């Protein structure tokens, strides 16, 4: 295998449509990250699976129109394209239901991923939702084994109950070089891994560095920005305060935007601390628009 400048970032995981009462939007954290990176001009590929149905065709048309590579997209003749049903209460607060047994649960290894035989992406991105089915889990983990020594493995933990367990979390942490999680997810990791005896988050993070060999841990904190933890500094973080916008439309996709911008800046050669600051700023800008994805490339020129 050799380096391939056409694929700097590879993401594996779900493509889903968020289905609202009167509209729908394509998403899924891996797709959102690849969408952002593509608009930023970084050669990126997504490995996912959609159905041979109307939503699957709609996704392909949308992705193609935005310049997103379709090389790693598989079609499933039996399973439906991923859906998240969104229900709004009287106050407009959403409740999400991720449908089970969808196309992204059946990612195939082998010939569908032959393009990986010629390339080592600089970063490989994955999460936990697409590991809820053993078939996709096997594909994702086998891919990580092939790339581990030649690509930085970025785990965006993205816990979506009830679709994770101890085994999924433990194996994913062993696979990754970089971990990104929010405060709530850090608390849940502590509970799921049976580490409640640690008195605080910083000692949990120290455990992750030592037990799993994770090089860098980014914890996002909403309006309070983000922290970076490195083994040599552990358990003390490098902090970056947020530049919170006064024009917040919604926070949908802010975490995915953070991950994409962080990866982008690291590829450009920025330090992790500087990349984190720029990622916080970009996530804040995403909160100024409705939805997770900007419509045009002009947004990325700001």
Protein backbone atom coordinates (compact mmCIF):
# COMPACT_ATOMS: atom_id res chain seq x y z
CA UNK A 1 0.00 0.00 0.00
CA UNK A 2 1.12 3.55 -0.60
CA UNK A 3 0.15 7.11 0.20
CA UNK A 4 -2.63 8.56 -1.98
CA UNK A 5 -3.06 12.33 -1.96
CA UNK A 6 -6.57 11.93 -3.40
CA UNK A 7 -7.79 10.44 -0.11
CA UNK A 8 -6.52 12.28 2.93
CA UNK A 9 -9.47 11.28 5.10
CA UNK A 10 -11.50 8.08 5.13
CA UNK A 11 -14.70 7.79 7.19
CA UNK A 12 -16.67 4.63 7.86
CA UNK A 13 -20.22 4.55 9.18
CA UNK A 14 -23.79 5.61 8.77
CA UNK A 15 -25.70 7.65 6.24
CA UNK A 16 -29.14 8.55 7.57
CA UNK A 17 -31.99 10.88 6.75
CA UNK A 18 -33.50 12.89 9.60
CA UNK A 19 -37.22 12.68 8.86
CA UNK A 20 -39.21 15.60 10.31
CA UNK A 21 -43.00 15.96 10.07
CA UNK A 22 -42.66 18.33 7.09
CA UNK A 23 -39.09 17.93 5.79
CA UNK A 24 -36.05 15.67 5.70
CA UNK A 25 -32.29 16.19 5.78
CA UNK A 26 -29.42 13.87 4.91
CA UNK A 27 -26.89 13.35 7.67
CA UNK A 28 -25.08 10.92 9.88
CA UNK A 29 -21.86 11.98 11.61
CA UNK A 30 -19.44 10.28 9.15
CA UNK A 31 -21.21 11.81 6.17
CA UNK A 32 -21.32 15.26 7.78
CA UNK A 33 -17.58 15.14 8.46
CA UNK A 34 -16.77 14.06 4.89
CA UNK A 35 -19.15 16.69 3.51
CA UNK A 36 -17.34 19.46 5.40
CA UNK A 37 -13.89 18.20 4.43
CA UNK A 38 -14.87 17.91 0.78
CA UNK A 39 -16.11 21.52 0.76
CA UNK A 40 -12.83 22.53 2.41
CA UNK A 41 -10.95 20.97 -0.47
CA UNK A 42 -9.60 17.88 1.28
CA UNK A 43 -9.70 14.63 -0.71
CA UNK A 44 -12.02 12.43 1.34
CA UNK A 45 -14.01 9.24 0.98
CA UNK A 46 -16.96 7.80 2.88
CA UNK A 47 -17.56 4.09 3.29
CA UNK A 48 -21.27 3.59 3.90
CA UNK A 49 -24.29 1.72 2.56
CA UNK A 50 -27.69 2.92 1.38
CA UNK A 51 -30.69 1.07 0.07
CA UNK A 52 -31.78 0.63 -3.51
CA UNK A 53 -34.72 2.86 -2.64
CA UNK A 54 -35.86 6.43 -3.14
CA UNK A 55 -33.89 7.79 -0.19
CA UNK A 56 -30.77 5.98 -1.36
CA UNK A 57 -31.04 7.56 -4.81
CA UNK A 58 -31.74 10.95 -3.24
CA UNK A 59 -28.59 10.63 -1.15
CA UNK A 60 -26.47 9.71 -4.17
CA UNK A 61 -27.80 12.67 -6.13
CA UNK A 62 -27.18 15.06 -3.24
CA UNK A 63 -23.67 13.78 -2.51
CA UNK A 64 -22.71 13.93 -6.18
CA UNK A 65 -24.02 17.48 -6.50
CA UNK A 66 -21.77 18.50 -3.60
CA UNK A 67 -18.67 16.79 -4.96
CA UNK A 68 -18.64 14.04 -2.31
CA UNK A 69 -16.92 10.88 -3.55
CA UNK A 70 -19.27 7.92 -4.06
CA UNK A 71 -16.49 5.37 -4.48
CA UNK A 72 -17.07 3.81 -1.07
CA UNK A 73 -20.89 3.90 -1.13
CA UNK A 74 -22.56 0.49 -1.34
CA UNK A 75 -26.16 -0.22 -2.37
CA UNK A 76 -28.27 -2.76 -0.50
CA UNK A 77 -31.00 -4.53 -2.48
CA UNK A 78 -32.94 -5.53 0.63
CA UNK A 79 -32.38 -3.07 3.48
CA UNK A 80 -33.63 0.50 3.53
CA UNK A 81 -31.53 3.64 3.65
CA UNK A 82 -30.99 4.76 7.23
CA UNK A 83 -33.71 6.87 8.82
CA UNK A 84 -34.03 8.85 12.02
CA UNK A 85 -37.61 9.74 12.85
CA UNK A 86 -37.80 13.15 14.53
CA UNK A 87 -40.77 13.88 16.76
CA UNK A 88 -41.43 17.38 18.09
CA UNK A 89 -43.28 18.06 21.32
CA UNK A 90 -45.55 21.04 22.03
CA UNK A 91 -42.50 23.21 22.78
CA UNK A 92 -40.77 22.16 19.55
CA UNK A 93 -38.15 20.06 21.36
CA UNK A 94 -37.14 17.10 19.18
CA UNK A 95 -37.05 13.43 20.14
CA UNK A 96 -35.08 11.15 17.85
CA UNK A 97 -35.75 7.51 17.03
CA UNK A 98 -33.03 5.79 14.99
CA UNK A 99 -34.66 2.99 13.02
CA UNK A 100 -33.13 -0.46 13.32
CA UNK A 101 -31.87 -2.91 10.70
CA UNK A 102 -30.92 -0.36 8.05
CA UNK A 103 -28.57 -0.54 5.09
CA UNK A 104 -25.63 0.99 6.99
CA UNK A 105 -25.76 -1.99 9.38
CA UNK A 106 -24.49 -4.23 6.55
CA UNK A 107 -21.23 -2.66 5.38
CA UNK A 108 -19.38 -5.21 3.26
CA UNK A 109 -15.65 -5.79 3.36
CA UNK A 110 -13.68 -7.23 0.46
CA UNK A 111 -14.29 -6.01 -3.11
CA UNK A 112 -16.38 -2.96 -2.07
CA UNK A 113 -13.29 -1.61 -0.27
CA UNK A 114 -10.68 -2.50 -2.87
CA UNK A 115 -9.81 1.17 -3.31
CA UNK A 116 -8.13 0.99 0.11
CA UNK A 117 -5.51 -1.39 -1.24
CA UNK A 118 -3.77 1.50 -2.97
CA UNK A 119 -3.92 4.16 -0.29
CA UNK A 120 -3.19 5.09 3.28
CA UNK A 121 -5.44 7.99 4.28
CA UNK A 122 -3.84 10.46 6.66
CA UNK A 123 -6.84 10.15 9.00
CA UNK A 124 -9.46 7.44 9.38
CA UNK A 125 -12.68 8.46 11.13
CA UNK A 126 -15.30 6.22 12.77
CA UNK A 127 -17.88 6.14 15.58
CA UNK A 128 -20.02 3.64 17.45
CA UNK A 129 -23.50 3.76 15.88
CA UNK A 130 -22.52 1.78 12.77
CA UNK A 131 -21.15 -0.94 15.05
CA UNK A 132 -24.58 -1.92 16.38
CA UNK A 133 -24.67 -4.82 13.87
CA UNK A 134 -21.92 -7.49 13.78
CA UNK A 135 -21.59 -7.28 9.99
CA UNK A 136 -20.64 -3.59 9.92
CA UNK A 137 -18.62 -4.03 13.10
CA UNK A 138 -16.46 -6.66 11.43
CA UNK A 139 -15.90 -4.49 8.36
CA UNK A 140 -14.98 -1.45 10.43
CA UNK A 141 -12.58 -3.33 12.69
CA UNK A 142 -10.89 -5.18 9.85
CA UNK A 143 -10.37 -1.84 8.11
CA UNK A 144 -8.84 -0.38 11.26
CA UNK A 145 -6.42 -3.31 11.47
CA UNK A 146 -5.27 -2.69 7.90
CA UNK A 147 -4.78 1.04 8.43
CA UNK A 148 -3.74 1.28 12.08
CA UNK A 149 0.01 1.63 11.58
CA UNK A 150 -0.22 4.04 8.64
CA UNK A 151 -3.20 6.27 9.40
CA UNK A 152 -4.25 8.30 12.43
CA UNK A 153 -7.43 6.67 13.74
CA UNK A 154 -9.95 9.28 14.90
CA UNK A 155 -12.80 8.03 17.11
CA UNK A 156 -15.76 10.39 17.36
CA UNK A 157 -17.51 8.32 20.00
CA UNK A 158 -21.05 9.64 19.22
CA UNK A 159 -22.95 7.50 21.72
CA UNK A 160 -26.53 6.92 20.58
CA UNK A 161 -28.49 4.86 23.14
CA UNK A 162 -29.30 2.01 23.09
CA UNK A 163 -26.86 1.20 20.29
CA UNK A 164 -23.63 0.63 22.19
CA UNK A 165 -22.26 -1.64 24.90
CA UNK A 166 -19.07 -2.34 26.83
CA UNK A 167 -17.52 -4.44 24.06
CA UNK A 168 -18.12 -1.84 21.33
CA UNK A 169 -16.71 0.97 23.46
CA UNK A 170 -13.69 -0.99 24.73
CA UNK A 171 -12.71 -2.22 21.26
CA UNK A 172 -13.16 1.24 19.72
CA UNK A 173 -10.97 2.87 22.35
CA UNK A 174 -8.27 0.26 21.71
CA UNK A 175 -8.41 1.06 17.98
CA UNK A 176 -8.08 4.84 18.15
CA UNK A 177 -5.17 7.27 18.32
CA UNK A 178 -7.40 10.33 18.83
CA UNK A 179 -10.62 10.41 20.84
CA UNK A 180 -13.26 13.13 20.63
CA UNK A 181 -16.19 13.12 23.05
CA UNK A 182 -18.46 15.62 24.77
CA UNK A 183 -18.90 15.96 28.53
CA UNK A 184 -22.02 13.79 28.67
CA UNK A 185 -20.32 11.05 26.68
CA UNK A 186 -17.31 11.10 29.02
CA UNK A 187 -19.65 10.48 31.96
CA UNK A 188 -21.32 7.63 30.08
CA UNK A 189 -17.96 6.09 29.18
CA UNK A 190 -17.04 6.15 32.84
CA UNK A 191 -20.26 4.35 33.74
CA UNK A 192 -20.16 1.80 30.91
CA UNK A 193 -16.55 0.83 31.57
CA UNK A 194 -17.15 0.38 35.30
CA UNK A 195 -14.79 3.20 36.27
CA UNK A 196 -17.08 5.07 38.65
CA UNK A 197 -14.48 4.80 41.38
CA UNK A 198 -12.46 7.54 39.67
CA UNK A 199 -13.19 10.81 41.50
CA UNK A 200 -13.21 13.03 38.42
CA UNK A 201 -12.96 13.25 34.66
CA UNK A 202 -9.26 14.03 34.57
CA UNK A 203 -8.37 10.72 36.22
CA UNK A 204 -10.62 8.90 33.78
CA UNK A 205 -8.73 10.55 30.94
CA UNK A 206 -5.41 9.54 32.49
CA UNK A 207 -6.74 5.97 32.54
CA UNK A 208 -7.58 6.20 28.82
CA UNK A 209 -4.06 7.37 28.01
CA UNK A 210 -2.45 4.53 29.96
CA UNK A 211 -4.91 1.67 29.35
CA UNK A 212 -5.67 2.32 25.68
CA UNK A 213 -2.60 4.22 24.53
CA UNK A 214 -4.69 7.09 23.14
CA UNK A 215 -2.44 9.93 22.02
CA UNK A 216 -4.86 12.86 22.18
CA UNK A 217 -8.27 13.30 23.81
CA UNK A 218 -10.52 16.23 22.88
CA UNK A 219 -13.50 16.92 25.14
CA UNK A 220 -16.02 19.40 23.77
CA UNK A 221 -17.92 21.49 26.31
CA UNK A 222 -20.57 23.39 24.36
CA UNK A 223 -20.50 27.09 25.18
CA UNK A 224 -17.36 26.50 27.28
CA UNK A 225 -15.28 25.46 24.29
CA UNK A 226 -13.09 22.35 24.37
CA UNK A 227 -10.16 20.80 26.21
CA UNK A 228 -7.21 18.81 24.90
CA UNK A 229 -5.55 16.14 27.00
CA UNK A 230 -2.11 14.74 26.16
CA UNK A 231 -0.32 11.91 28.01
CA UNK A 232 2.65 14.11 28.88
CA UNK A 233 0.33 16.71 30.42
CA UNK A 234 -2.18 14.28 31.95
CA UNK A 235 -4.34 14.82 33.86
CA UNK A 236 -4.14 18.60 33.23
CA UNK A 237 -5.88 19.82 30.06
CA UNK A 238 -4.98 22.40 27.46
CA UNK A 239 -8.09 24.59 27.41
CA UNK A 240 -9.69 26.58 24.64
CA UNK A 241 -12.63 28.81 25.53
CA UNK A 242 -15.55 29.06 23.14
CA UNK A 243 -16.30 32.03 20.94
CA UNK A 244 -20.04 31.66 21.36
CA UNK A 245 -22.10 33.33 18.67
CA UNK A 246 -24.92 35.64 19.69
CA UNK A 247 -26.90 34.49 16.64
CA UNK A 248 -27.47 30.81 17.42
CA UNK A 249 -30.02 29.16 15.12
CA UNK A 250 -29.52 25.59 16.39
CA UNK A 251 -26.68 23.33 17.54
CA UNK A 252 -27.37 20.46 15.14
CA UNK A 253 -24.13 19.11 13.71
CA UNK A 254 -21.83 21.28 15.81
CA UNK A 255 -19.87 18.27 17.05
CA UNK A 256 -19.37 16.95 13.51
CA UNK A 257 -18.23 20.40 12.39
CA UNK A 258 -15.70 20.47 15.24
CA UNK A 259 -14.29 17.08 14.18
CA UNK A 260 -14.07 18.03 10.51
CA UNK A 261 -12.33 21.35 11.14
CA UNK A 262 -9.96 19.77 13.66
CA UNK A 263 -8.91 17.13 11.13
CA UNK A 264 -8.62 19.75 8.39
CA UNK A 265 -6.29 21.97 10.41
CA UNK A 266 -4.15 19.04 11.55
CA UNK A 267 -3.70 18.06 7.89
CA UNK A 268 -2.57 21.65 7.22
CA UNK A 269 0.16 21.18 9.83
CA UNK A 270 -1.38 23.17 12.69
CA UNK A 271 -0.58 22.17 16.25
CA UNK A 272 -3.34 20.32 18.08
CA UNK A 273 -3.91 23.31 20.34
CA UNK A 274 -4.28 25.74 17.44
CA UNK A 275 -6.42 23.27 15.48
CA UNK A 276 -8.72 22.91 18.47
CA UNK A 277 -9.22 26.67 18.68
CA UNK A 278 -10.13 26.89 15.00
CA UNK A 279 -12.46 23.89 15.37
CA UNK A 280 -14.28 25.58 18.25
CA UNK A 281 -14.74 28.71 16.11
CA UNK A 282 -16.03 26.72 13.14
CA UNK A 283 -18.50 24.75 15.28
CA UNK A 284 -19.79 28.05 16.65
CA UNK A 285 -20.37 29.33 13.09
CA UNK A 286 -22.33 26.17 12.25
CA UNK A 287 -24.65 27.03 15.12
CA UNK A 288 -25.57 30.26 13.29
CA UNK A 289 -27.29 28.36 10.46
CA UNK A 290 -30.28 26.04 10.44
CA UNK A 291 -29.24 22.41 10.18
CA UNK A 292 -25.88 20.70 10.17
CA UNK A 293 -24.66 21.44 6.64
CA UNK A 294 -24.10 24.81 4.92
CA UNK A 295 -25.65 25.05 1.48
CA UNK A 296 -22.74 26.55 -0.46
CA UNK A 297 -18.94 26.62 -0.45
CA UNK A 298 -18.94 30.34 0.34
CA UNK A 299 -19.55 29.42 3.99
CA UNK A 300 -16.13 27.77 4.10
CA UNK A 301 -14.39 30.89 2.87
CA UNK A 302 -15.30 32.86 5.98
